[in-house]
């Protein structure tokens, strides 16, 4: 079965950095797009960053220039490097893979941005 496990969240001050990791198992993931989403209390889950099978990337306007998504297919791992964090970035961050019409999600990792 497909499993996605996020890690790397935590508490960081505004302007700080965190690196999130998503470890995937159960399939060969190199041919599928993978992404990071986030959801803050009272808000819709939103796409943060996407990386395709050929390593093309797409970012939400709110994180462009600050966040970087990457993947290491040999390790079935996707990363999200987050720099210059803002309080507005505080959310639960979820890893995602789309396989055909199906979406698979990790359990989420909390990112708290606070002084």
N, C-alpha and C. Protein backbone atom coordinates (compact mmCIF):
# COMPACT_ATOMS: atom_id res chain seq x y z
N UNK A 1 0.83 -1.17 0.00
CA UNK A 1 0.00 0.00 0.00
C UNK A 1 0.87 1.24 0.00
N UNK A 2 0.28 2.33 -0.47
CA UNK A 2 0.99 3.60 -0.50
C UNK A 2 0.99 4.21 0.89
N UNK A 3 2.16 4.63 1.32
CA UNK A 3 2.29 5.35 2.58
C UNK A 3 3.19 6.55 2.40
N UNK A 4 2.78 7.67 2.96
CA UNK A 4 3.55 8.89 2.95
C UNK A 4 3.71 9.36 4.39
N UNK A 5 4.93 9.63 4.79
CA UNK A 5 5.21 10.03 6.17
C UNK A 5 6.01 11.31 6.15
N UNK A 6 5.42 12.37 6.69
CA UNK A 6 6.09 13.67 6.76
C UNK A 6 6.88 13.79 8.06
N UNK A 7 7.93 14.58 8.01
CA UNK A 7 8.70 14.90 9.20
C UNK A 7 9.38 16.25 9.00
N UNK A 8 9.89 16.80 10.07
CA UNK A 8 10.65 18.03 10.00
C UNK A 8 9.94 19.27 10.48
N UNK A 9 8.66 19.15 10.80
CA UNK A 9 7.94 20.30 11.31
C UNK A 9 8.39 20.66 12.71
N UNK A 10 7.93 21.82 13.17
CA UNK A 10 8.28 22.27 14.49
C UNK A 10 8.02 23.73 14.67
N UNK A 11 8.60 24.28 15.72
CA UNK A 11 8.45 25.69 16.06
C UNK A 11 9.65 26.47 15.55
N UNK A 12 9.37 27.56 14.86
CA UNK A 12 10.43 28.41 14.33
C UNK A 12 9.99 29.86 14.44
N UNK A 13 10.95 30.76 14.64
CA UNK A 13 10.64 32.18 14.70
C UNK A 13 10.48 32.75 13.30
N UNK A 14 9.71 33.84 13.17
CA UNK A 14 9.62 34.50 11.87
C UNK A 14 11.00 34.81 11.32
N UNK A 15 11.17 34.56 10.02
CA UNK A 15 12.46 34.72 9.38
C UNK A 15 13.33 33.49 9.40
N UNK A 16 12.93 32.49 10.15
CA UNK A 16 13.70 31.27 10.26
C UNK A 16 13.43 30.30 9.14
N UNK A 17 14.04 29.12 9.25
CA UNK A 17 13.95 28.11 8.20
C UNK A 17 13.62 26.75 8.78
N UNK A 18 12.97 25.94 7.98
CA UNK A 18 12.71 24.54 8.28
C UNK A 18 12.81 23.75 7.00
N UNK A 19 13.15 22.48 7.12
CA UNK A 19 13.12 21.57 5.99
C UNK A 19 12.20 20.41 6.31
N UNK A 20 11.17 20.25 5.51
CA UNK A 20 10.25 19.14 5.65
C UNK A 20 10.66 18.00 4.74
N UNK A 21 10.45 16.78 5.20
CA UNK A 21 10.73 15.59 4.41
C UNK A 21 9.48 14.75 4.30
N UNK A 22 9.32 14.09 3.17
CA UNK A 22 8.23 13.16 2.95
C UNK A 22 8.83 11.86 2.45
N UNK A 23 8.73 10.82 3.25
CA UNK A 23 9.23 9.50 2.88
C UNK A 23 8.07 8.67 2.36
N UNK A 24 8.18 8.22 1.13
CA UNK A 24 7.12 7.46 0.48
C UNK A 24 7.50 6.01 0.35
N UNK A 25 6.50 5.14 0.43
CA UNK A 25 6.74 3.72 0.29
C UNK A 25 5.52 3.05 -0.34
N UNK A 26 5.73 1.87 -0.89
CA UNK A 26 4.64 1.08 -1.43
C UNK A 26 4.52 1.09 -2.94
N UNK A 27 5.18 1.99 -3.61
CA UNK A 27 5.16 2.11 -5.06
C UNK A 27 6.50 2.64 -5.55
N UNK A 28 6.66 2.63 -6.85
CA UNK A 28 7.71 3.41 -7.49
C UNK A 28 7.12 4.78 -7.78
N UNK A 29 7.64 5.79 -7.12
CA UNK A 29 7.04 7.12 -7.16
C UNK A 29 7.66 8.05 -8.19
N UNK A 30 8.73 7.63 -8.82
CA UNK A 30 9.45 8.53 -9.70
C UNK A 30 8.64 9.02 -10.88
N UNK A 31 7.60 8.29 -11.27
CA UNK A 31 6.81 8.67 -12.44
C UNK A 31 5.60 9.52 -12.09
N UNK A 32 5.41 9.81 -10.81
CA UNK A 32 4.22 10.55 -10.39
C UNK A 32 4.57 11.93 -9.86
N UNK A 33 3.69 12.89 -10.08
CA UNK A 33 3.89 14.19 -9.44
C UNK A 33 3.64 14.10 -7.95
N UNK A 34 4.43 14.82 -7.20
CA UNK A 34 4.27 14.87 -5.76
C UNK A 34 4.27 16.33 -5.32
N UNK A 35 3.60 16.58 -4.21
CA UNK A 35 3.48 17.95 -3.78
C UNK A 35 3.34 18.09 -2.28
N UNK A 36 3.44 19.33 -1.87
CA UNK A 36 3.19 19.72 -0.49
C UNK A 36 1.97 20.64 -0.46
N UNK A 37 1.07 20.34 0.45
CA UNK A 37 -0.10 21.16 0.71
C UNK A 37 -0.07 21.60 2.17
N UNK A 38 -0.84 22.62 2.48
CA UNK A 38 -0.94 23.03 3.87
C UNK A 38 -2.37 23.45 4.18
N UNK A 39 -2.71 23.34 5.45
CA UNK A 39 -4.03 23.73 5.91
C UNK A 39 -3.92 24.39 7.27
N UNK A 40 -4.36 25.63 7.34
CA UNK A 40 -4.41 26.37 8.58
C UNK A 40 -5.82 26.27 9.15
N UNK A 41 -5.98 26.47 10.46
CA UNK A 41 -7.32 26.39 11.06
C UNK A 41 -8.30 27.32 10.38
N UNK A 42 -9.47 26.78 10.03
CA UNK A 42 -10.51 27.58 9.41
C UNK A 42 -10.31 27.88 7.94
N UNK A 43 -9.27 27.32 7.34
CA UNK A 43 -8.99 27.59 5.94
C UNK A 43 -8.99 26.31 5.12
N UNK A 44 -9.13 26.48 3.81
CA UNK A 44 -9.06 25.35 2.90
C UNK A 44 -7.63 24.86 2.76
N UNK A 45 -7.50 23.57 2.49
CA UNK A 45 -6.19 23.04 2.17
C UNK A 45 -5.74 23.61 0.83
N UNK A 46 -4.50 24.07 0.77
CA UNK A 46 -4.01 24.71 -0.43
C UNK A 46 -2.69 24.10 -0.88
N UNK A 47 -2.49 24.12 -2.18
CA UNK A 47 -1.24 23.66 -2.75
C UNK A 47 -0.14 24.66 -2.43
N UNK A 48 0.97 24.16 -1.92
CA UNK A 48 2.14 24.98 -1.65
C UNK A 48 3.16 24.84 -2.77
N UNK A 49 3.49 23.62 -3.12
CA UNK A 49 4.51 23.37 -4.13
C UNK A 49 4.29 22.00 -4.74
N UNK A 50 4.66 21.87 -6.00
CA UNK A 50 4.50 20.63 -6.75
C UNK A 50 5.78 20.35 -7.52
N UNK A 51 6.17 19.09 -7.57
CA UNK A 51 7.30 18.68 -8.39
C UNK A 51 6.86 17.51 -9.25
N UNK A 52 7.13 17.59 -10.55
CA UNK A 52 6.72 16.57 -11.49
C UNK A 52 7.77 15.47 -11.59
N UNK A 53 7.45 14.46 -12.39
CA UNK A 53 8.37 13.34 -12.57
C UNK A 53 9.68 13.77 -13.22
N UNK A 54 9.65 14.83 -14.02
CA UNK A 54 10.87 15.34 -14.64
C UNK A 54 11.41 16.57 -13.92
N UNK A 55 11.01 16.72 -12.65
CA UNK A 55 11.55 17.73 -11.74
C UNK A 55 11.18 19.16 -12.09
N UNK A 56 10.12 19.35 -12.87
CA UNK A 56 9.57 20.69 -13.01
C UNK A 56 8.82 21.04 -11.74
N UNK A 57 8.83 22.29 -11.38
CA UNK A 57 8.24 22.73 -10.12
C UNK A 57 7.21 23.82 -10.33
N UNK A 58 6.30 23.91 -9.39
CA UNK A 58 5.29 24.94 -9.37
C UNK A 58 5.05 25.34 -7.92
N UNK A 59 4.87 26.64 -7.68
CA UNK A 59 4.72 27.15 -6.33
C UNK A 59 3.53 28.08 -6.22
N UNK A 60 2.93 28.08 -5.05
CA UNK A 60 1.96 29.11 -4.75
C UNK A 60 2.65 30.47 -4.74
N UNK A 61 1.94 31.49 -5.19
CA UNK A 61 2.53 32.83 -5.24
C UNK A 61 3.04 33.27 -3.87
N UNK A 62 2.37 32.86 -2.82
CA UNK A 62 2.72 33.31 -1.49
C UNK A 62 4.06 32.77 -0.99
N UNK A 63 4.58 31.72 -1.63
CA UNK A 63 5.83 31.12 -1.17
C UNK A 63 6.95 31.21 -2.19
N UNK A 64 6.68 31.73 -3.37
CA UNK A 64 7.71 31.83 -4.40
C UNK A 64 8.90 32.64 -3.90
N UNK A 65 10.07 32.12 -4.16
CA UNK A 65 11.29 32.78 -3.72
C UNK A 65 11.71 32.43 -2.31
N UNK A 66 10.83 31.79 -1.55
CA UNK A 66 11.14 31.43 -0.17
C UNK A 66 11.21 29.92 0.04
N UNK A 67 10.36 29.17 -0.67
CA UNK A 67 10.28 27.73 -0.52
C UNK A 67 10.86 27.05 -1.75
N UNK A 68 11.45 25.87 -1.55
CA UNK A 68 11.98 25.08 -2.64
C UNK A 68 11.57 23.62 -2.45
N UNK A 69 10.93 23.06 -3.46
CA UNK A 69 10.57 21.64 -3.43
C UNK A 69 11.57 20.87 -4.27
N UNK A 70 11.93 19.69 -3.82
CA UNK A 70 12.85 18.84 -4.56
C UNK A 70 12.52 17.39 -4.25
N UNK A 71 13.05 16.49 -5.08
CA UNK A 71 12.82 15.07 -4.86
C UNK A 71 14.09 14.29 -5.14
N UNK A 72 14.27 13.24 -4.39
CA UNK A 72 15.35 12.29 -4.61
C UNK A 72 14.67 10.94 -4.84
N UNK A 73 14.54 10.58 -6.10
CA UNK A 73 13.76 9.40 -6.45
C UNK A 73 14.37 8.11 -5.91
N UNK A 74 15.70 8.04 -5.84
CA UNK A 74 16.35 6.85 -5.33
C UNK A 74 16.01 6.60 -3.87
N UNK A 75 15.60 7.63 -3.17
CA UNK A 75 15.22 7.52 -1.76
C UNK A 75 13.71 7.62 -1.56
N UNK A 76 12.96 7.77 -2.64
CA UNK A 76 11.50 7.96 -2.55
C UNK A 76 11.15 9.06 -1.57
N UNK A 77 11.86 10.15 -1.67
CA UNK A 77 11.72 11.23 -0.71
C UNK A 77 11.52 12.57 -1.42
N UNK A 78 10.62 13.37 -0.88
CA UNK A 78 10.38 14.72 -1.36
C UNK A 78 10.64 15.68 -0.22
N UNK A 79 11.30 16.77 -0.53
CA UNK A 79 11.66 17.76 0.48
C UNK A 79 10.97 19.09 0.20
N UNK A 80 10.77 19.84 1.24
CA UNK A 80 10.34 21.22 1.13
C UNK A 80 11.22 22.07 2.03
N UNK A 81 12.12 22.83 1.40
CA UNK A 81 12.96 23.76 2.14
C UNK A 81 12.20 25.07 2.28
N UNK A 82 11.99 25.51 3.50
CA UNK A 82 11.22 26.71 3.78
C UNK A 82 12.13 27.73 4.44
N UNK A 83 12.33 28.85 3.78
CA UNK A 83 13.15 29.93 4.29
C UNK A 83 12.30 31.18 4.50
N UNK A 84 12.81 32.10 5.28
CA UNK A 84 12.13 33.37 5.54
C UNK A 84 10.69 33.16 5.95
N UNK A 85 10.49 32.28 6.89
CA UNK A 85 9.14 31.91 7.29
C UNK A 85 8.39 33.07 7.92
N UNK A 86 7.11 33.12 7.62
CA UNK A 86 6.21 34.16 8.11
C UNK A 86 5.14 33.53 8.98
N UNK A 87 4.53 34.31 9.87
CA UNK A 87 3.41 33.76 10.65
C UNK A 87 2.30 33.18 9.79
N UNK A 88 2.10 33.74 8.60
CA UNK A 88 1.07 33.25 7.69
C UNK A 88 1.37 31.85 7.16
N UNK A 89 2.61 31.39 7.31
CA UNK A 89 2.98 30.05 6.87
C UNK A 89 2.59 28.98 7.88
N UNK A 90 2.17 29.37 9.05
CA UNK A 90 1.82 28.40 10.08
C UNK A 90 0.63 27.56 9.63
N UNK A 91 0.81 26.25 9.64
CA UNK A 91 -0.22 25.33 9.17
C UNK A 91 0.26 23.91 9.41
N UNK A 92 -0.64 22.96 9.16
CA UNK A 92 -0.24 21.58 9.04
C UNK A 92 0.11 21.33 7.58
N UNK A 93 1.29 20.80 7.35
CA UNK A 93 1.77 20.55 6.00
C UNK A 93 1.63 19.07 5.67
N UNK A 94 1.07 18.80 4.49
CA UNK A 94 0.78 17.44 4.05
C UNK A 94 1.52 17.12 2.77
N UNK A 95 2.06 15.94 2.70
CA UNK A 95 2.65 15.41 1.49
C UNK A 95 1.58 14.72 0.66
N UNK A 96 1.69 14.82 -0.66
CA UNK A 96 0.68 14.28 -1.55
C UNK A 96 1.32 13.64 -2.77
N UNK A 97 0.73 12.55 -3.24
CA UNK A 97 1.07 11.99 -4.54
C UNK A 97 -0.23 11.69 -5.27
N UNK A 98 -0.25 12.03 -6.55
CA UNK A 98 -1.41 11.75 -7.39
C UNK A 98 -1.07 10.60 -8.32
N UNK A 99 -1.81 9.52 -8.20
CA UNK A 99 -1.64 8.33 -9.02
C UNK A 99 -2.94 8.11 -9.77
N UNK A 100 -2.93 8.44 -11.05
CA UNK A 100 -4.16 8.42 -11.82
C UNK A 100 -5.14 9.43 -11.26
N UNK A 101 -6.35 8.96 -10.93
CA UNK A 101 -7.35 9.83 -10.33
C UNK A 101 -7.35 9.80 -8.81
N UNK A 102 -6.43 9.06 -8.22
CA UNK A 102 -6.38 8.90 -6.78
C UNK A 102 -5.33 9.80 -6.17
N UNK A 103 -5.67 10.36 -5.01
CA UNK A 103 -4.74 11.15 -4.22
C UNK A 103 -4.41 10.42 -2.93
N UNK A 104 -3.14 10.42 -2.58
CA UNK A 104 -2.69 9.81 -1.35
C UNK A 104 -2.02 10.88 -0.49
N UNK A 105 -2.27 10.81 0.81
CA UNK A 105 -1.83 11.85 1.73
C UNK A 105 -1.08 11.27 2.91
N UNK A 106 -0.13 12.04 3.40
CA UNK A 106 0.50 11.72 4.66
C UNK A 106 -0.35 12.21 5.82
N UNK A 107 0.15 11.99 7.02
CA UNK A 107 -0.60 12.36 8.22
C UNK A 107 -0.46 13.83 8.57
N UNK A 108 0.50 14.50 7.98
CA UNK A 108 0.73 15.91 8.23
C UNK A 108 1.78 16.16 9.29
N UNK A 109 2.43 17.30 9.17
CA UNK A 109 3.39 17.74 10.17
C UNK A 109 3.15 19.22 10.46
N UNK A 110 3.13 19.56 11.73
CA UNK A 110 2.78 20.91 12.16
C UNK A 110 3.97 21.84 12.02
N UNK A 111 3.74 22.98 11.40
CA UNK A 111 4.72 24.05 11.33
C UNK A 111 4.15 25.25 12.08
N UNK A 112 4.84 25.66 13.12
CA UNK A 112 4.42 26.80 13.92
C UNK A 112 5.44 27.91 13.77
N UNK A 113 4.99 29.08 13.38
CA UNK A 113 5.86 30.24 13.19
C UNK A 113 5.43 31.29 14.19
N UNK A 114 6.26 31.51 15.19
CA UNK A 114 5.88 32.40 16.27
C UNK A 114 7.13 32.91 16.98
N UNK A 115 7.03 34.13 17.49
CA UNK A 115 8.09 34.68 18.32
C UNK A 115 7.99 34.19 19.76
